[in-house]
Amino acid sequence: MSRSKPNAAMVFAAGLGTRMRPLTDDMPKPLIPVAGKALIDYPLDRFAMAGVKEAVVNVHYLADQVEAHVRGRTTPNVSISDERGRLLETGGGLKKARTHFSGEAIFCTNTDAIIIDGDGREACTRLIDQWDKETMDALLLLVPIEATSGYDGVGDFDRGADRRISFRRGERAPFVFTGLQLISPALIDEGPDGPFSTKLLWDLAIDRGRLFGAVHDGFWMHVGDTQGLDAAEARLKAGAG
């Protein structure tokens, strides 16, 4: 297996947060506090602990507030990818920020989820340990559907014995995507200019047999609406993992 430690990350913080209204009427979703800590600081703190030196945060809705919040961070050092003029979705956001990324893989994640580590490997470390640039275009961190809160879906991915993953084929899939992944900059380069979803890149990787999933042994909290926020607050304040 061939791997090196990623030194850069992308944090998606440009969404409108419509499902969090009225909280997001005058505050961007990434700054909503959960157990006394802004959502955006959960992934940034995790990346800092994983040794990531540089992070890119994209901004659109109430962008000035997000910029002001991350301005004082030094670990990781945060650069802003400005999408005020045009919201580019996840894939387009990665493509716009591409000049910030080098190396064989970068981390990227959403800000509307919080990952709790289990008794095994820390989430970023788990991805690093399983990354193989020779066989992978992207490696997604998954959790079993039963190890989630704030999620009412029917699963995202099926996973084979070889750890390759594909989108749900039946009525239900066993694994949910946490939002955290390692992705090859070369795969990002294949995306078009303008807005597009990261799913387009995953489709390319699936066609080549190069999309993989690592299963986390902890818990995942989706904080996409006020019900998910309440569930995450309760779990974190109770000190539950």
C-alpha atoms as a PDB file:
ATOM      1  CA  MET A   1       0.000   0.000   0.000  1.00  0.00           C
ATOM      2  CA  SER A   2       1.314   3.444  -0.942  1.00  0.00           C
ATOM      3  CA  ARG A   3       0.379   6.448   1.184  1.00  0.00           C
ATOM      4  CA  SER A   4       1.671   9.704   2.608  1.00  0.00           C
ATOM      5  CA  LYS A   5       0.165  12.005   5.216  1.00  0.00           C
ATOM      6  CA  PRO A   6      -2.216  14.617   3.746  1.00  0.00           C
ATOM      7  CA  ASN A   7      -1.326  18.198   4.616  1.00  0.00           C
ATOM      8  CA  ALA A   8      -4.362  20.082   3.298  1.00  0.00           C
ATOM      9  CA  ALA A   9      -8.130  20.044   3.740  1.00  0.00           C
ATOM     10  CA  MET A  10     -11.297  21.612   2.336  1.00  0.00           C
ATOM     11  CA  VAL A  11     -14.225  22.551   4.576  1.00  0.00           C
ATOM     12  CA  PHE A  12     -17.535  23.282   2.864  1.00  0.00           C
ATOM     13  CA  ALA A  13     -19.082  26.317   4.580  1.00  0.00           C
ATOM     14  CA  ALA A  14     -20.960  28.056   1.776  1.00  0.00           C
ATOM     15  CA  GLY A  15     -24.429  26.534   2.133  1.00  0.00           C
ATOM     16  CA  LEU A  16     -27.582  28.548   2.804  1.00  0.00           C
ATOM     17  CA  GLY A  17     -28.661  26.581   5.878  1.00  0.00           C
ATOM     18  CA  THR A  18     -32.342  26.809   5.003  1.00  0.00           C
ATOM     19  CA  ARG A  19     -33.317  23.794   7.128  1.00  0.00           C
ATOM     20  CA  MET A  20     -31.863  25.528  10.193  1.00  0.00           C
ATOM     21  CA  ARG A  21     -34.131  28.559  10.006  1.00  0.00           C
ATOM     22  CA  PRO A  22     -34.829  30.677  11.982  1.00  0.00           C
ATOM     23  CA  LEU A  23     -31.353  30.135  13.500  1.00  0.00           C
ATOM     24  CA  THR A  24     -29.725  30.903  10.160  1.00  0.00           C
ATOM     25  CA  ASP A  25     -31.704  34.059   9.450  1.00  0.00           C
ATOM     26  CA  ASP A  26     -28.770  36.106  10.751  1.00  0.00           C
ATOM     27  CA  MET A  27     -26.063  33.485  11.362  1.00  0.00           C
ATOM     28  CA  PRO A  28     -24.459  31.090   8.854  1.00  0.00           C
ATOM     29  CA  LYS A  29     -24.951  27.433   9.704  1.00  0.00           C
ATOM     30  CA  PRO A  30     -21.208  26.730  10.187  1.00  0.00           C
ATOM     31  CA  LEU A  31     -21.192  29.145  13.140  1.00  0.00           C
ATOM     32  CA  ILE A  32     -24.150  27.631  14.992  1.00  0.00           C
ATOM     33  CA  PRO A  33     -22.861  26.498  18.391  1.00  0.00           C
ATOM     34  CA  VAL A  34     -23.250  22.869  19.419  1.00  0.00           C
ATOM     35  CA  ALA A  35     -22.362  22.184  23.043  1.00  0.00           C
ATOM     36  CA  GLY A  36     -20.598  25.556  23.144  1.00  0.00           C
ATOM     37  CA  LYS A  37     -18.515  25.106  19.985  1.00  0.00           C
ATOM     38  CA  ALA A  38     -19.213  26.348  16.461  1.00  0.00           C
ATOM     39  CA  LEU A  39     -19.954  23.610  13.945  1.00  0.00           C
ATOM     40  CA  ILE A  40     -17.051  24.646  11.725  1.00  0.00           C
ATOM     41  CA  ASP A  41     -14.564  24.238  14.563  1.00  0.00           C
ATOM     42  CA  TYR A  42     -15.298  20.533  14.977  1.00  0.00           C
ATOM     43  CA  PRO A  43     -13.667  19.561  11.651  1.00  0.00           C
ATOM     44  CA  LEU A  44     -10.990  22.268  11.828  1.00  0.00           C
ATOM     45  CA  ASP A  45      -9.915  21.089  15.283  1.00  0.00           C
ATOM     46  CA  ARG A  46      -9.882  17.486  14.067  1.00  0.00           C
ATOM     47  CA  PHE A  47      -7.725  18.409  11.087  1.00  0.00           C
ATOM     48  CA  ALA A  48      -5.342  20.318  13.363  1.00  0.00           C
ATOM     49  CA  MET A  49      -4.943  17.243  15.581  1.00  0.00           C
ATOM     50  CA  ALA A  50      -4.303  15.143  12.464  1.00  0.00           C
ATOM     51  CA  GLY A  51      -1.402  17.409  11.505  1.00  0.00           C
ATOM     52  CA  VAL A  52      -3.098  19.238   8.629  1.00  0.00           C
ATOM     53  CA  LYS A  53      -1.305  22.547   8.100  1.00  0.00           C
ATOM     54  CA  GLU A  54      -3.524  24.271   5.501  1.00  0.00           C
ATOM     55  CA  ALA A  55      -7.302  24.342   5.195  1.00  0.00           C
ATOM     56  CA  VAL A  56      -9.524  26.038   2.643  1.00  0.00           C
ATOM     57  CA  VAL A  57     -12.994  27.208   3.692  1.00  0.00           C
ATOM     58  CA  ASN A  58     -15.456  28.267   1.013  1.00  0.00           C
ATOM     59  CA  VAL A  59     -17.938  31.047   1.811  1.00  0.00           C
ATOM     60  CA  HIS A  60     -21.154  32.366   0.299  1.00  0.00           C
ATOM     61  CA  TYR A  61     -24.055  33.028   2.688  1.00  0.00           C
ATOM     62  CA  LEU A  62     -23.185  35.613   5.393  1.00  0.00           C
ATOM     63  CA  ALA A  63     -19.607  35.136   4.273  1.00  0.00           C
ATOM     64  CA  ASP A  64     -18.174  37.980   6.344  1.00  0.00           C
ATOM     65  CA  GLN A  65     -19.138  36.221   9.559  1.00  0.00           C
ATOM     66  CA  VAL A  66     -17.425  32.983   8.547  1.00  0.00           C
ATOM     67  CA  GLU A  67     -14.292  34.842   7.473  1.00  0.00           C
ATOM     68  CA  ALA A  68     -14.132  36.740  10.757  1.00  0.00           C
ATOM     69  CA  HIS A  69     -14.554  33.545  12.751  1.00  0.00           C
ATOM     70  CA  VAL A  70     -11.703  31.631  11.092  1.00  0.00           C
ATOM     71  CA  ARG A  71      -9.348  34.602  10.745  1.00  0.00           C
ATOM     72  CA  GLY A  72      -7.640  33.994  14.069  1.00  0.00           C
ATOM     73  CA  ARG A  73      -6.876  30.328  13.512  1.00  0.00           C
ATOM     74  CA  THR A  74      -3.281  29.279  13.033  1.00  0.00           C
ATOM     75  CA  THR A  75      -3.741  25.498  13.258  1.00  0.00           C
ATOM     76  CA  PRO A  76      -4.608  24.840  10.589  1.00  0.00           C
ATOM     77  CA  ASN A  77      -3.955  28.021   8.690  1.00  0.00           C
ATOM     78  CA  VAL A  78      -7.217  28.893   6.903  1.00  0.00           C
ATOM     79  CA  SER A  79      -7.544  30.330   3.392  1.00  0.00           C
ATOM     80  CA  ILE A  80     -10.871  31.549   2.030  1.00  0.00           C
ATOM     81  CA  SER A  81     -12.363  30.458  -1.280  1.00  0.00           C
ATOM     82  CA  ASP A  82     -14.868  33.207  -2.093  1.00  0.00           C
ATOM     83  CA  GLU A  83     -18.147  32.042  -3.644  1.00  0.00           C
ATOM     84  CA  ARG A  84     -20.139  35.169  -2.848  1.00  0.00           C
ATOM     85  CA  GLY A  85     -20.904  35.731  -6.509  1.00  0.00           C
ATOM     86  CA  ARG A  86     -21.863  32.155  -7.336  1.00  0.00           C
ATOM     87  CA  LEU A  87     -22.526  29.122  -5.186  1.00  0.00           C
ATOM     88  CA  LEU A  88     -20.600  26.223  -6.707  1.00  0.00           C
ATOM     89  CA  GLU A  89     -21.827  23.155  -4.766  1.00  0.00           C
ATOM     90  CA  THR A  90     -19.365  20.666  -3.314  1.00  0.00           C
ATOM     91  CA  GLY A  91     -17.555  19.557  -6.467  1.00  0.00           C
ATOM     92  CA  GLY A  92     -17.416  23.046  -7.931  1.00  0.00           C
ATOM     93  CA  GLY A  93     -16.110  24.358  -4.630  1.00  0.00           C
ATOM     94  CA  LEU A  94     -13.291  21.831  -4.684  1.00  0.00           C
ATOM     95  CA  LYS A  95     -12.456  22.669  -8.302  1.00  0.00           C
ATOM     96  CA  LYS A  96     -12.333  26.410  -7.561  1.00  0.00           C
ATOM     97  CA  ALA A  97     -10.000  25.823  -4.608  1.00  0.00           C
ATOM     98  CA  ARG A  98      -7.821  23.367  -6.529  1.00  0.00           C
ATOM     99  CA  THR A  99      -4.756  25.632  -6.634  1.00  0.00           C
ATOM    100  CA  HIS A 100      -4.457  25.276  -2.858  1.00  0.00           C
ATOM    101  CA  PHE A 101      -4.027  21.512  -3.036  1.00  0.00           C
ATOM    102  CA  SER A 102      -0.986  19.408  -3.811  1.00  0.00           C
ATOM    103  CA  GLY A 103       0.121  15.946  -2.871  1.00  0.00           C
ATOM    104  CA  GLU A 104      -1.659  12.685  -3.480  1.00  0.00           C
ATOM    105  CA  ALA A 105      -4.819  13.328  -1.413  1.00  0.00           C
ATOM    106  CA  ILE A 106      -6.644  16.008   0.539  1.00  0.00           C
ATOM    107  CA  PHE A 107      -9.252  15.815   3.253  1.00  0.00           C
ATOM    108  CA  CYS A 108     -12.615  17.405   2.687  1.00  0.00           C
ATOM    109  CA  THR A 109     -15.732  17.542   4.814  1.00  0.00           C
ATOM    110  CA  ASN A 110     -19.027  19.256   5.493  1.00  0.00           C
ATOM    111  CA  THR A 111     -19.753  21.426   8.506  1.00  0.00           C
ATOM    112  CA  ASP A 112     -23.214  20.009   9.254  1.00  0.00           C
ATOM    113  CA  ALA A 113     -21.984  16.813  10.899  1.00  0.00           C
ATOM    114  CA  ILE A 114     -20.004  15.860  13.987  1.00  0.00           C
ATOM    115  CA  ILE A 115     -18.017  12.636  14.171  1.00  0.00           C
ATOM    116  CA  ILE A 116     -17.430  10.943  17.516  1.00  0.00           C
ATOM    117  CA  ASP A 117     -14.504   8.547  17.682  1.00  0.00           C
ATOM    118  CA  GLY A 118     -14.968   5.023  18.999  1.00  0.00           C
ATOM    119  CA  ASP A 119     -12.432   2.774  20.671  1.00  0.00           C
ATOM    120  CA  GLY A 120     -10.458   2.245  17.475  1.00  0.00           C
ATOM    121  CA  ARG A 121      -8.682   4.708  15.221  1.00  0.00           C
ATOM    122  CA  GLU A 122      -9.410   8.434  15.140  1.00  0.00           C
ATOM    123  CA  ALA A 123     -11.426   9.317  12.024  1.00  0.00           C
ATOM    124  CA  CYS A 124      -8.695  11.064  10.006  1.00  0.00           C
ATOM    125  CA  THR A 125      -6.120   8.498  11.038  1.00  0.00           C
ATOM    126  CA  ARG A 126      -8.420   5.711   9.907  1.00  0.00           C
ATOM    127  CA  LEU A 127      -8.558   7.251   6.434  1.00  0.00           C
ATOM    128  CA  ILE A 128      -4.806   7.850   6.310  1.00  0.00           C
ATOM    129  CA  ASP A 129      -4.116   4.250   7.327  1.00  0.00           C
ATOM    130  CA  GLN A 130      -6.323   2.878   4.547  1.00  0.00           C
ATOM    131  CA  TRP A 131      -5.433   5.313   1.767  1.00  0.00           C
ATOM    132  CA  ASP A 132      -3.671   3.813  -1.251  1.00  0.00           C
ATOM    133  CA  LYS A 133      -2.981   6.178  -4.141  1.00  0.00           C
ATOM    134  CA  GLU A 134      -2.280   3.275  -6.487  1.00  0.00           C
ATOM    135  CA  THR A 135      -5.834   1.931  -6.267  1.00  0.00           C
ATOM    136  CA  MET A 136      -7.991   4.805  -4.972  1.00  0.00           C
ATOM    137  CA  ASP A 137      -9.396   8.058  -6.336  1.00  0.00           C
ATOM    138  CA  ALA A 138     -11.381   8.722  -3.166  1.00  0.00           C
ATOM    139  CA  LEU A 139     -11.814   7.094   0.235  1.00  0.00           C
ATOM    140  CA  LEU A 140     -15.002   7.950   2.124  1.00  0.00           C
ATOM    141  CA  LEU A 141     -15.518   7.588   5.872  1.00  0.00           C
ATOM    142  CA  LEU A 142     -18.724   5.633   6.476  1.00  0.00           C
ATOM    143  CA  VAL A 143     -20.694   4.645   9.562  1.00  0.00           C
ATOM    144  CA  PRO A 144     -23.307   1.932   9.988  1.00  0.00           C
ATOM    145  CA  ILE A 145     -26.764   3.432   9.650  1.00  0.00           C
ATOM    146  CA  GLU A 146     -27.605   2.490  13.237  1.00  0.00           C
ATOM    147  CA  ALA A 147     -24.680   4.564  14.578  1.00  0.00           C
ATOM    148  CA  THR A 148     -26.225   7.908  13.620  1.00  0.00           C
ATOM    149  CA  SER A 149     -28.460  10.656  14.942  1.00  0.00           C
ATOM    150  CA  GLY A 150     -30.279  13.385  13.053  1.00  0.00           C
ATOM    151  CA  TYR A 151     -30.445  11.100  10.017  1.00  0.00           C
ATOM    152  CA  ASP A 152     -33.733   9.743   8.659  1.00  0.00           C
ATOM    153  CA  GLY A 153     -32.511   8.272   5.387  1.00  0.00           C
ATOM    154  CA  VAL A 154     -32.156   4.676   4.241  1.00  0.00           C
ATOM    155  CA  GLY A 155     -28.377   4.541   3.814  1.00  0.00           C
ATOM    156  CA  ASP A 156     -26.035   5.782   1.111  1.00  0.00           C
ATOM    157  CA  PHE A 157     -23.598   3.042   0.144  1.00  0.00           C
ATOM    158  CA  ASP A 158     -23.150  -0.681  -0.254  1.00  0.00           C
ATOM    159  CA  ARG A 159     -19.629  -1.967   0.446  1.00  0.00           C
ATOM    160  CA  GLY A 160     -17.901  -5.051  -0.883  1.00  0.00           C
ATOM    161  CA  ALA A 161     -15.410  -7.314   0.856  1.00  0.00           C
ATOM    162  CA  ASP A 162     -12.643  -5.482  -1.033  1.00  0.00           C
ATOM    163  CA  ARG A 163     -13.845  -2.178   0.555  1.00  0.00           C
ATOM    164  CA  ARG A 164     -15.003  -0.800  -2.808  1.00  0.00           C
ATOM    165  CA  ILE A 165     -18.309   1.030  -2.486  1.00  0.00           C
ATOM    166  CA  SER A 166     -21.258   1.773  -4.727  1.00  0.00           C
ATOM    167  CA  PHE A 167     -24.428   3.783  -4.333  1.00  0.00           C
ATOM    168  CA  ARG A 168     -27.387   2.058  -2.698  1.00  0.00           C
ATOM    169  CA  ARG A 169     -28.819  -0.561  -5.047  1.00  0.00           C
ATOM    170  CA  GLY A 170     -31.807  -1.714  -3.010  1.00  0.00           C
ATOM    171  CA  GLU A 171     -34.342  -0.090  -0.735  1.00  0.00           C
ATOM    172  CA  ARG A 172     -31.799   0.230   2.067  1.00  0.00           C
ATOM    173  CA  ALA A 173     -28.002   0.365   2.337  1.00  0.00           C
ATOM    174  CA  PRO A 174     -25.996  -0.441   5.478  1.00  0.00           C
ATOM    175  CA  PHE A 175     -23.670   2.561   5.450  1.00  0.00           C
ATOM    176  CA  VAL A 176     -24.032   6.336   5.666  1.00  0.00           C
ATOM    177  CA  PHE A 177     -21.446   8.813   4.403  1.00  0.00           C
ATOM    178  CA  THR A 178     -20.163  10.998   7.240  1.00  0.00           C
ATOM    179  CA  GLY A 179     -19.089  13.877   4.992  1.00  0.00           C
ATOM    180  CA  LEU A 180     -15.379  13.215   5.633  1.00  0.00           C
ATOM    181  CA  GLN A 181     -13.234  11.832   2.835  1.00  0.00           C
ATOM    182  CA  LEU A 182      -9.809  11.724   1.281  1.00  0.00           C
ATOM    183  CA  ILE A 183      -9.892  12.638  -2.404  1.00  0.00           C
ATOM    184  CA  SER A 184      -7.221  12.785  -5.078  1.00  0.00           C
ATOM    185  CA  PRO A 185      -6.561  16.247  -6.565  1.00  0.00           C
ATOM    186  CA  ALA A 186      -6.258  14.490  -9.929  1.00  0.00           C
ATOM    187  CA  LEU A 187      -9.889  13.383  -9.601  1.00  0.00           C
ATOM    188  CA  ILE A 188     -10.934  16.961  -8.782  1.00  0.00           C
ATOM    189  CA  ASP A 189      -9.218  18.075 -11.998  1.00  0.00           C
ATOM    190  CA  GLU A 190     -11.621  15.892 -13.987  1.00  0.00           C
ATOM    191  CA  GLY A 191     -14.628  17.917 -12.851  1.00  0.00           C
ATOM    192  CA  PRO A 192     -16.114  20.666 -15.040  1.00  0.00           C
ATOM    193  CA  ASP A 193     -15.914  24.357 -14.300  1.00  0.00           C
ATOM    194  CA  GLY A 194     -18.901  25.854 -12.524  1.00  0.00           C
ATOM    195  CA  PRO A 195     -21.342  24.269 -10.057  1.00  0.00           C
ATOM    196  CA  PHE A 196     -21.470  20.491  -9.696  1.00  0.00           C
ATOM    197  CA  SER A 197     -21.815  17.894  -6.967  1.00  0.00           C
ATOM    198  CA  THR A 198     -18.983  15.733  -5.696  1.00  0.00           C
ATOM    199  CA  LYS A 199     -21.204  12.830  -6.756  1.00  0.00           C
ATOM    200  CA  LEU A 200     -20.060  13.452 -10.318  1.00  0.00           C
ATOM    201  CA  LEU A 201     -16.483  12.712  -9.236  1.00  0.00           C
ATOM    202  CA  TRP A 202     -17.567   9.649  -7.292  1.00  0.00           C
ATOM    203  CA  ASP A 203     -19.349   8.339 -10.390  1.00  0.00           C
ATOM    204  CA  LEU A 204     -16.091   8.583 -12.314  1.00  0.00           C
ATOM    205  CA  ALA A 205     -14.259   6.743  -9.537  1.00  0.00           C
ATOM    206  CA  ILE A 206     -16.928   4.023  -9.334  1.00  0.00           C
ATOM    207  CA  ASP A 207     -16.683   3.410 -13.081  1.00  0.00           C
ATOM    208  CA  ARG A 208     -12.969   2.739 -12.624  1.00  0.00           C
ATOM    209  CA  GLY A 209     -13.393   0.680  -9.461  1.00  0.00           C
ATOM    210  CA  ARG A 210     -11.530   3.344  -7.494  1.00  0.00           C
ATOM    211  CA  LEU A 211     -14.105   4.531  -4.928  1.00  0.00           C
ATOM    212  CA  PHE A 212     -13.548   2.985  -1.497  1.00  0.00           C
ATOM    213  CA  GLY A 213     -15.073   3.233   1.952  1.00  0.00           C
ATOM    214  CA  ALA A 214     -13.549   3.005   5.419  1.00  0.00           C
ATOM    215  CA  VAL A 215     -15.998   2.097   8.185  1.00  0.00           C
ATOM    216  CA  HIS A 216     -15.702   4.137  11.380  1.00  0.00           C
ATOM    217  CA  ASP A 217     -16.396   2.488  14.724  1.00  0.00           C
ATOM    218  CA  GLY A 218     -17.700   5.639  16.390  1.00  0.00           C
ATOM    219  CA  PHE A 219     -20.907   7.655  16.142  1.00  0.00           C
ATOM    220  CA  TRP A 220     -22.036  10.233  13.582  1.00  0.00           C
ATOM    221  CA  MET A 221     -24.379  13.131  14.268  1.00  0.00           C
ATOM    222  CA  HIS A 222     -26.025  14.891  11.347  1.00  0.00           C
ATOM    223  CA  VAL A 223     -26.699  18.506  12.316  1.00  0.00           C
ATOM    224  CA  GLY A 224     -28.646  19.541   9.244  1.00  0.00           C
ATOM    225  CA  ASP A 225     -31.805  20.789  10.941  1.00  0.00           C
ATOM    226  CA  THR A 226     -32.993  21.865  14.364  1.00  0.00           C
ATOM    227  CA  GLN A 227     -33.970  18.314  15.377  1.00  0.00           C
ATOM    228  CA  GLY A 228     -30.480  17.087  14.544  1.00  0.00           C
ATOM    229  CA  LEU A 229     -29.031  20.014  16.466  1.00  0.00           C
ATOM    230  CA  ASP A 230     -31.054  19.136  19.565  1.00  0.00           C
ATOM    231  CA  ALA A 231     -29.983  15.474  19.359  1.00  0.00           C
ATOM    232  CA  ALA A 232     -26.305  16.402  18.990  1.00  0.00           C
ATOM    233  CA  GLU A 233     -26.489  18.902  21.870  1.00  0.00           C
ATOM    234  CA  ALA A 234     -28.016  16.276  24.150  1.00  0.00           C
ATOM    235  CA  ARG A 235     -25.461  13.607  23.246  1.00  0.00           C
ATOM    236  CA  LEU A 236     -22.433  15.867  23.616  1.00  0.00           C
ATOM    237  CA  LYS A 237     -23.605  17.405  26.881  1.00  0.00           C
ATOM    238  CA  ALA A 238     -24.188  13.936  28.260  1.00  0.00           C
ATOM    239  CA  GLY A 239     -20.613  13.034  27.310  1.00  0.00           C
ATOM    240  CA  ALA A 240     -21.781  10.095  25.222  1.00  0.00           C
ATOM    241  CA  GLY A 241     -19.699   8.743  22.359  1.00  0.00           C
END
